[in-house]
C-alpha cells in the first residue's frame, strides 16, 4: 500500500498563535514502537508502521490520539493523517488542536482529516465549515490554505463557505489558491442551487393537516 507518510517538517512560517502539543497521559510500549517507526529516517519503516496502524482500524484510535500530541512533528503528522479514515468522536479535540499546530504539515493533514467526512464510518461532531473557514482566512501556510479551500468546496452548501471563498477570490494573489477557490465556490453554489431545487420540488404541506397521521377522534378516550 502506498501512503502519504513522508513528512517534511520545514514547510512554512510558524503560526504566531500556535498550540504547543501536550505529552499524552498514557503511552504504552507498543505505542512507543509505533512512534519510533513513524519518526524513522527510513521510508520502509515509516510506511510499514503507517500501514499497520491503518489496518488496525478502530483499535488504533487511542494510539493516534496519543501520537497527535507527540513532541516529534513527524509523529504528530502521521497520526493526524491516519485520522482521515480512522477518526471518531475521540479524535475531535486532537484534530481541533492540530489545526493550530506549530508544524504546517500537521495543520494540513488536520484540515484534510476534518474536511473529508466521507472517508469516515460516521461524520465527526465538529463544525467542519467553521474550522475550514478559519484556516482559509488565517493560516500562514499557502499549502494549508489551498487544502482548506478545496475541502470547503466538498461541504454541503453553507453561506459561511461562500462568503470566505468570495473573499479569497477578491483578495488573494496566490494563483494556486485562486484556482481552487473558484472551483470550490462553483461547487458550493451548485450544491446550494440543488438544495433549493429539491425544496421547490417537495410537495407543499397541507394547511388543514390532513396529511398527518393522527389518532381518530376519541381514540385516546377508549
Protein backbone atom coordinates (compact mmCIF):
# COMPACT_ATOMS: atom_id res chain seq x y z
CA UNK A 1 0.00 0.00 0.00
CA UNK A 2 1.29 3.43 -0.90
CA UNK A 3 0.68 6.01 1.81
CA UNK A 4 1.47 9.66 2.26
CA UNK A 5 3.73 9.43 5.31
CA UNK A 6 6.92 11.13 4.17
CA UNK A 7 6.56 14.11 6.45
CA UNK A 8 8.90 17.08 5.78
CA UNK A 9 8.88 19.44 8.73
CA UNK A 10 10.01 22.87 7.44
CA UNK A 11 7.16 23.87 5.19
CA UNK A 12 6.20 27.46 6.01
CA UNK A 13 6.46 30.10 8.75
CA UNK A 14 5.02 29.07 12.10
CA UNK A 15 1.75 30.45 13.37
CA UNK A 16 2.10 33.18 15.97
CA UNK A 17 -0.82 31.79 17.96
CA UNK A 18 0.22 28.16 17.88
CA UNK A 19 -0.69 25.31 20.18
CA UNK A 20 2.16 23.59 21.98
CA UNK A 21 1.42 19.85 21.89
CA UNK A 22 0.90 18.24 25.26
CA UNK A 23 2.52 14.93 26.07
CA UNK A 24 -0.09 12.17 26.24
CA UNK A 25 -1.04 10.94 29.71
CA UNK A 26 -0.71 7.26 28.85
CA UNK A 27 1.72 5.75 26.38
CA UNK A 28 2.22 2.00 26.07
CA UNK A 29 5.46 0.30 24.95
CA UNK A 30 3.62 -0.70 21.76
CA UNK A 31 2.74 2.93 21.12
CA UNK A 32 6.37 3.93 21.61
CA UNK A 33 7.45 1.40 18.99
CA UNK A 34 4.97 2.86 16.51
CA UNK A 35 6.12 6.42 17.20
CA UNK A 36 9.78 5.50 16.80
CA UNK A 37 8.95 3.87 13.47
CA UNK A 38 6.88 6.83 12.25
CA UNK A 39 9.80 9.12 13.07
CA UNK A 40 12.36 6.91 11.29
CA UNK A 41 14.58 8.25 8.51
CA UNK A 42 13.94 5.02 6.59
CA UNK A 43 10.92 5.16 4.31
CA UNK A 44 10.12 1.44 4.50
CA UNK A 45 9.96 1.55 8.31
CA UNK A 46 7.65 4.57 8.29
CA UNK A 47 5.42 3.04 5.63
CA UNK A 48 5.07 -0.27 7.49
CA UNK A 49 4.13 1.47 10.76
CA UNK A 50 1.62 3.65 8.91
CA UNK A 51 0.09 0.64 7.15
CA UNK A 52 -0.05 -1.45 10.33
CA UNK A 53 -1.89 1.32 12.20
CA UNK A 54 -4.27 1.79 9.28
CA UNK A 55 -5.03 -1.92 9.21
CA UNK A 56 -5.67 -1.93 12.98
CA UNK A 57 -8.68 0.28 12.30
CA UNK A 58 -10.65 1.32 15.37
CA UNK A 59 -8.14 -0.39 17.68
CA UNK A 60 -5.51 2.17 16.61
CA UNK A 61 -7.51 5.26 17.58
CA UNK A 62 -6.13 5.54 21.12
CA UNK A 63 -2.59 5.32 19.71
CA UNK A 64 -3.38 8.04 17.18
CA UNK A 65 -4.87 10.35 19.81
CA UNK A 66 -1.77 10.00 21.98
CA UNK A 67 0.52 10.36 18.95
CA UNK A 68 -1.21 13.57 17.87
CA UNK A 69 0.33 15.16 21.00
CA UNK A 70 3.81 13.67 20.48
CA UNK A 71 6.80 16.01 20.71
CA UNK A 72 8.05 15.00 17.24
CA UNK A 73 6.27 16.71 14.30
CA UNK A 74 6.59 13.70 12.00
CA UNK A 75 4.79 11.51 14.51
CA UNK A 76 2.02 14.06 15.03
CA UNK A 77 1.59 14.46 11.27
CA UNK A 78 1.38 10.71 10.68
CA UNK A 79 -1.17 10.17 13.42
CA UNK A 80 -3.33 13.08 12.26
CA UNK A 81 -3.09 11.85 8.66
CA UNK A 82 -4.38 8.43 9.74
CA UNK A 83 -7.35 10.12 11.38
CA UNK A 84 -8.59 10.93 7.88
CA UNK A 85 -10.02 7.39 7.70
CA UNK A 86 -9.96 6.19 11.31
CA UNK A 87 -11.17 9.19 13.33
CA UNK A 88 -14.21 9.00 15.57
CA UNK A 89 -15.51 11.31 18.29
CA UNK A 90 -12.44 10.51 20.44
CA UNK A 91 -10.29 12.39 17.91
CA UNK A 92 -12.20 15.69 17.82
CA UNK A 93 -10.12 17.52 20.43
CA UNK A 94 -6.86 16.27 18.90
CA UNK A 95 -7.89 17.39 15.41
CA UNK A 96 -9.03 20.81 16.59
CA UNK A 97 -5.70 21.26 18.39
CA UNK A 98 -3.81 20.04 15.31
CA UNK A 99 -5.38 22.83 13.23
CA UNK A 100 -3.12 25.25 15.14
CA UNK A 101 -0.04 23.05 15.44
CA UNK A 102 3.39 24.66 15.03
CA UNK A 103 4.02 22.40 12.01
CA UNK A 104 2.27 23.38 8.77
CA UNK A 105 2.32 19.73 7.73
CA UNK A 106 0.36 18.71 10.81
CA UNK A 107 -2.12 21.52 10.15
CA UNK A 108 -2.51 20.46 6.52
CA UNK A 109 -3.31 16.88 7.49
CA UNK A 110 -5.72 18.12 10.16
CA UNK A 111 -7.57 20.25 7.60
CA UNK A 112 -7.92 17.25 5.30
CA UNK A 113 -8.96 14.89 8.10
CA UNK A 114 -11.67 17.26 9.34
CA UNK A 115 -12.91 18.20 5.87
CA UNK A 116 -13.07 14.70 4.41
CA UNK A 117 -16.09 13.35 6.29
CA UNK A 118 -17.00 10.84 3.58
CA UNK A 119 -13.91 8.72 4.36
CA UNK A 120 -15.12 8.01 7.90
CA UNK A 121 -17.53 5.45 9.27
CA UNK A 122 -19.62 8.30 10.71
CA UNK A 123 -19.26 12.09 10.50
CA UNK A 124 -17.34 13.85 13.27
CA UNK A 125 -19.40 16.04 15.62
CA UNK A 126 -17.50 19.22 14.79
CA UNK A 127 -18.25 22.47 12.95
CA UNK A 128 -16.42 21.45 9.79
CA UNK A 129 -17.15 24.58 7.75
CA UNK A 130 -16.26 26.88 10.64
CA UNK A 131 -12.92 25.12 11.15
CA UNK A 132 -12.09 25.23 7.43
CA UNK A 133 -13.05 28.88 7.03
CA UNK A 134 -10.83 29.84 9.97
CA UNK A 135 -7.82 28.14 8.33
CA UNK A 136 -8.61 29.60 4.90
CA UNK A 137 -8.58 33.12 6.30
CA UNK A 138 -5.85 32.86 8.94
CA UNK A 139 -3.29 30.15 8.20
CA UNK A 140 0.22 31.32 7.31
CA UNK A 141 0.94 28.36 5.01
CA UNK A 142 -0.21 28.59 1.37
CA UNK A 143 -0.47 24.80 1.19
CA UNK A 144 -2.71 24.61 4.25
CA UNK A 145 -4.95 27.34 2.86
CA UNK A 146 -5.19 25.57 -0.51
CA UNK A 147 -6.27 22.31 1.12
CA UNK A 148 -8.81 24.16 3.29
CA UNK A 149 -10.28 25.91 0.25
CA UNK A 150 -10.53 22.62 -1.64
CA UNK A 151 -12.30 20.98 1.29
CA UNK A 152 -14.80 23.86 1.53
CA UNK A 153 -15.97 23.03 -1.96
CA UNK A 154 -16.80 19.48 -0.87
CA UNK A 155 -19.05 20.50 2.04
CA UNK A 156 -22.84 20.89 1.96
CA UNK A 157 -23.96 24.39 0.97
CA UNK A 158 -23.08 26.95 3.63
CA UNK A 159 -23.22 30.75 3.47
CA UNK A 160 -20.01 30.98 5.51
CA UNK A 161 -18.13 28.96 2.91
CA UNK A 162 -19.45 31.08 0.04
CA UNK A 163 -18.51 34.28 1.85
CA UNK A 164 -14.98 33.08 2.66
CA UNK A 165 -14.34 31.80 -0.87
CA UNK A 166 -15.61 35.05 -2.36
CA UNK A 167 -13.23 36.97 -0.08
CA UNK A 168 -10.27 34.80 -1.15
CA UNK A 169 -11.04 35.38 -4.82
CA UNK A 170 -11.25 39.13 -4.26
CA UNK A 171 -8.06 39.50 -2.23
CA UNK A 172 -5.56 36.69 -2.91
CA UNK A 173 -2.61 36.82 -5.30
CA UNK A 174 -1.84 33.10 -4.94
CA UNK A 175 -2.64 31.50 -8.31
CA UNK A 176 -2.96 28.02 -6.82
CA UNK A 177 -5.29 29.25 -4.11
CA UNK A 178 -7.37 31.28 -6.57
CA UNK A 179 -7.96 28.38 -8.94
CA UNK A 180 -9.06 26.14 -6.07
CA UNK A 181 -11.25 28.88 -4.59
CA UNK A 182 -13.06 29.45 -7.90
CA UNK A 183 -13.70 25.73 -8.27
CA UNK A 184 -14.84 25.39 -4.65
CA UNK A 185 -17.15 28.39 -4.98
CA UNK A 186 -18.73 26.91 -8.10
CA UNK A 187 -19.32 23.65 -6.21
CA UNK A 188 -20.83 25.47 -3.23
CA UNK A 189 -23.19 27.41 -5.46
CA UNK A 190 -24.12 24.25 -7.33
CA UNK A 191 -24.85 22.47 -4.04
CA UNK A 192 -26.96 25.43 -2.91
CA UNK A 193 -28.94 25.52 -6.17
CA UNK A 194 -29.52 21.78 -5.93
CA UNK A 195 -30.82 22.09 -2.38
CA UNK A 196 -33.19 24.89 -3.42
CA UNK A 197 -34.42 22.81 -6.35
CA UNK A 198 -35.16 19.87 -4.04
CA UNK A 199 -37.08 22.11 -1.65
CA UNK A 200 -39.06 23.57 -4.55
CA UNK A 201 -39.94 20.12 -5.84
CA UNK A 202 -41.10 18.85 -2.44
CA UNK A 203 -44.91 18.67 -2.05
CA UNK A 204 -46.28 21.54 -0.02
CA UNK A 205 -47.68 20.74 3.43
CA UNK A 206 -51.45 20.68 3.51
CA UNK A 207 -52.70 23.58 5.61
CA UNK A 208 -55.51 21.55 7.19
CA UNK A 209 -53.04 18.95 8.43
CA UNK A 210 -54.85 16.22 6.52
CA UNK A 211 -51.58 14.66 5.55
CA UNK A 212 -50.61 13.95 9.18
CA UNK A 213 -51.24 10.62 10.80
CA UNK A 214 -53.36 11.30 13.84
CA UNK A 215 -55.44 9.12 16.11
CA UNK A 216 -59.09 9.08 15.18
CA UNK A 217 -61.28 11.34 17.28
CA UNK A 218 -61.93 9.85 20.67
CA UNK A 219 -59.27 7.17 20.25
CA UNK A 220 -57.35 8.31 23.32
CA UNK A 221 -60.51 8.10 25.39
CA UNK A 222 -61.16 4.45 24.74
